[in-house]
C-alpha atoms as a PDB file:
ATOM      1  CA  UNK A   1      16.696  40.230 -15.622  1.00  0.00           C
ATOM      2  CA  UNK A   2      14.746  37.530 -13.388  1.00  0.00           C
ATOM      3  CA  UNK A   3      12.629  38.505 -10.583  1.00  0.00           C
ATOM      4  CA  UNK A   4      12.658  36.959  -7.288  1.00  0.00           C
ATOM      5  CA  UNK A   5       9.447  36.938  -5.153  1.00  0.00           C
ATOM      6  CA  UNK A   6       9.668  36.014  -1.239  1.00  0.00           C
ATOM      7  CA  UNK A   7       6.877  33.592  -0.932  1.00  0.00           C
ATOM      8  CA  UNK A   8       5.530  33.362   3.108  1.00  0.00           C
ATOM      9  CA  UNK A   9       3.767  30.099   3.038  1.00  0.00           C
ATOM     10  CA  UNK A  10       2.793  29.199   7.006  1.00  0.00           C
ATOM     11  CA  UNK A  11       1.432  25.767   7.469  1.00  0.00           C
ATOM     12  CA  UNK A  12      -1.653  25.790  10.109  1.00  0.00           C
ATOM     13  CA  UNK A  13      -0.365  23.485  12.680  1.00  0.00           C
ATOM     14  CA  UNK A  14      -3.554  23.117  14.161  1.00  0.00           C
ATOM     15  CA  UNK A  15      -5.220  21.727  11.204  1.00  0.00           C
ATOM     16  CA  UNK A  16      -2.797  19.803  10.383  1.00  0.00           C
ATOM     17  CA  UNK A  17      -3.014  18.142  13.764  1.00  0.00           C
ATOM     18  CA  UNK A  18      -6.932  17.989  13.685  1.00  0.00           C
ATOM     19  CA  UNK A  19      -5.939  15.846  10.770  1.00  0.00           C
ATOM     20  CA  UNK A  20      -3.000  13.784  12.683  1.00  0.00           C
ATOM     21  CA  UNK A  21      -6.257  13.119  15.154  1.00  0.00           C
ATOM     22  CA  UNK A  22      -8.385  12.089  12.296  1.00  0.00           C
ATOM     23  CA  UNK A  23      -5.807   9.879  11.199  1.00  0.00           C
ATOM     24  CA  UNK A  24      -4.792   8.142  14.179  1.00  0.00           C
ATOM     25  CA  UNK A  25      -8.964   7.336  14.579  1.00  0.00           C
ATOM     26  CA  UNK A  26     -10.479   6.324  17.907  1.00  0.00           C
ATOM     27  CA  UNK A  27      -8.988   2.667  18.076  1.00  0.00           C
ATOM     28  CA  UNK A  28      -5.643   3.940  18.848  1.00  0.00           C
ATOM     29  CA  UNK A  29      -4.105   5.969  21.479  1.00  0.00           C
ATOM     30  CA  UNK A  30      -1.451   8.292  21.471  1.00  0.00           C
ATOM     31  CA  UNK A  31       0.648   6.135  23.461  1.00  0.00           C
ATOM     32  CA  UNK A  32       0.275   3.136  21.014  1.00  0.00           C
ATOM     33  CA  UNK A  33      -0.227   5.255  17.714  1.00  0.00           C
ATOM     34  CA  UNK A  34       2.651   7.100  18.841  1.00  0.00           C
ATOM     35  CA  UNK A  35       4.360   3.730  19.001  1.00  0.00           C
ATOM     36  CA  UNK A  36       3.850   2.917  15.378  1.00  0.00           C
ATOM     37  CA  UNK A  37       5.436   6.083  13.822  1.00  0.00           C
ATOM     38  CA  UNK A  38       8.901   5.823  16.465  1.00  0.00           C
ATOM     39  CA  UNK A  39       7.718   8.675  18.722  1.00  0.00           C
ATOM     40  CA  UNK A  40       6.609   9.332  21.810  1.00  0.00           C
ATOM     41  CA  UNK A  41       2.798   9.811  23.480  1.00  0.00           C
ATOM     42  CA  UNK A  42       4.140  13.280  24.043  1.00  0.00           C
ATOM     43  CA  UNK A  43       5.469  14.456  20.758  1.00  0.00           C
ATOM     44  CA  UNK A  44       2.921  12.949  19.004  1.00  0.00           C
ATOM     45  CA  UNK A  45       0.268  15.215  21.791  1.00  0.00           C
ATOM     46  CA  UNK A  46       2.398  18.169  20.184  1.00  0.00           C
ATOM     47  CA  UNK A  47       1.582  17.260  16.663  1.00  0.00           C
ATOM     48  CA  UNK A  48      -1.961  17.025  17.313  1.00  0.00           C
ATOM     49  CA  UNK A  49      -2.558  20.238  19.650  1.00  0.00           C
ATOM     50  CA  UNK A  50      -0.773  21.991  16.313  1.00  0.00           C
ATOM     51  CA  UNK A  51       1.895  23.080  19.140  1.00  0.00           C
ATOM     52  CA  UNK A  52       4.574  21.352  17.399  1.00  0.00           C
ATOM     53  CA  UNK A  53       5.928  20.849  13.125  1.00  0.00           C
ATOM     54  CA  UNK A  54       5.735  17.421  12.402  1.00  0.00           C
ATOM     55  CA  UNK A  55       8.930  16.482  10.284  1.00  0.00           C
ATOM     56  CA  UNK A  56       8.632  15.137   6.652  1.00  0.00           C
ATOM     57  CA  UNK A  57       9.804  11.869   7.822  1.00  0.00           C
ATOM     58  CA  UNK A  58       6.649  11.846  10.065  1.00  0.00           C
ATOM     59  CA  UNK A  59       4.525  13.243   7.607  1.00  0.00           C
ATOM     60  CA  UNK A  60       5.241  10.371   5.373  1.00  0.00           C
ATOM     61  CA  UNK A  61       4.952   7.767   7.813  1.00  0.00           C
ATOM     62  CA  UNK A  62       1.309   9.355   8.366  1.00  0.00           C
ATOM     63  CA  UNK A  63       0.943   9.058   4.497  1.00  0.00           C
ATOM     64  CA  UNK A  64       1.985   5.582   4.075  1.00  0.00           C
ATOM     65  CA  UNK A  65       0.081   4.370   7.375  1.00  0.00           C
ATOM     66  CA  UNK A  66      -3.596   6.412   6.173  1.00  0.00           C
ATOM     67  CA  UNK A  67      -2.762   6.214   2.240  1.00  0.00           C
ATOM     68  CA  UNK A  68      -3.628   9.471   2.674  1.00  0.00           C
ATOM     69  CA  UNK A  69      -1.761  12.018   0.242  1.00  0.00           C
ATOM     70  CA  UNK A  70       0.671  14.521   1.692  1.00  0.00           C
ATOM     71  CA  UNK A  71      -1.204  17.408   0.491  1.00  0.00           C
ATOM     72  CA  UNK A  72      -4.225  16.145   2.023  1.00  0.00           C
ATOM     73  CA  UNK A  73      -2.532  15.814   5.348  1.00  0.00           C
ATOM     74  CA  UNK A  74      -0.642  19.334   5.163  1.00  0.00           C
ATOM     75  CA  UNK A  75      -3.211  21.323   3.624  1.00  0.00           C
ATOM     76  CA  UNK A  76      -6.156  19.447   3.879  1.00  0.00           C
ATOM     77  CA  UNK A  77      -6.623  20.102   0.152  1.00  0.00           C
ATOM     78  CA  UNK A  78      -7.351  17.226  -2.568  1.00  0.00           C
ATOM     79  CA  UNK A  79      -7.256  13.868  -1.164  1.00  0.00           C
ATOM     80  CA  UNK A  80      -6.036  11.312  -4.286  1.00  0.00           C
ATOM     81  CA  UNK A  81      -4.333   8.995  -2.358  1.00  0.00           C
ATOM     82  CA  UNK A  82      -6.988   7.119  -1.680  1.00  0.00           C
ATOM     83  CA  UNK A  83      -7.809   6.726  -5.200  1.00  0.00           C
ATOM     84  CA  UNK A  84      -6.386   2.871  -6.589  1.00  0.00           C
END
């Protein structure tokens, strides 16, 4: 007999937004960074403010750009993306 569990996982969009902002850094404007990611400034602003959940495609672009792990971007957890 198998038991099914309902796992309710709600990402903290504001925390993800803070990490996206950290990845962007101070050298790039939202417009410049959005262009690099293939999105508009308005959409990037929504992600950074935690008003919208980033797509998987965007998360993968952020991972590639920043060399941070998806785990770190999404949860703030262990970041093995910076290992050689």
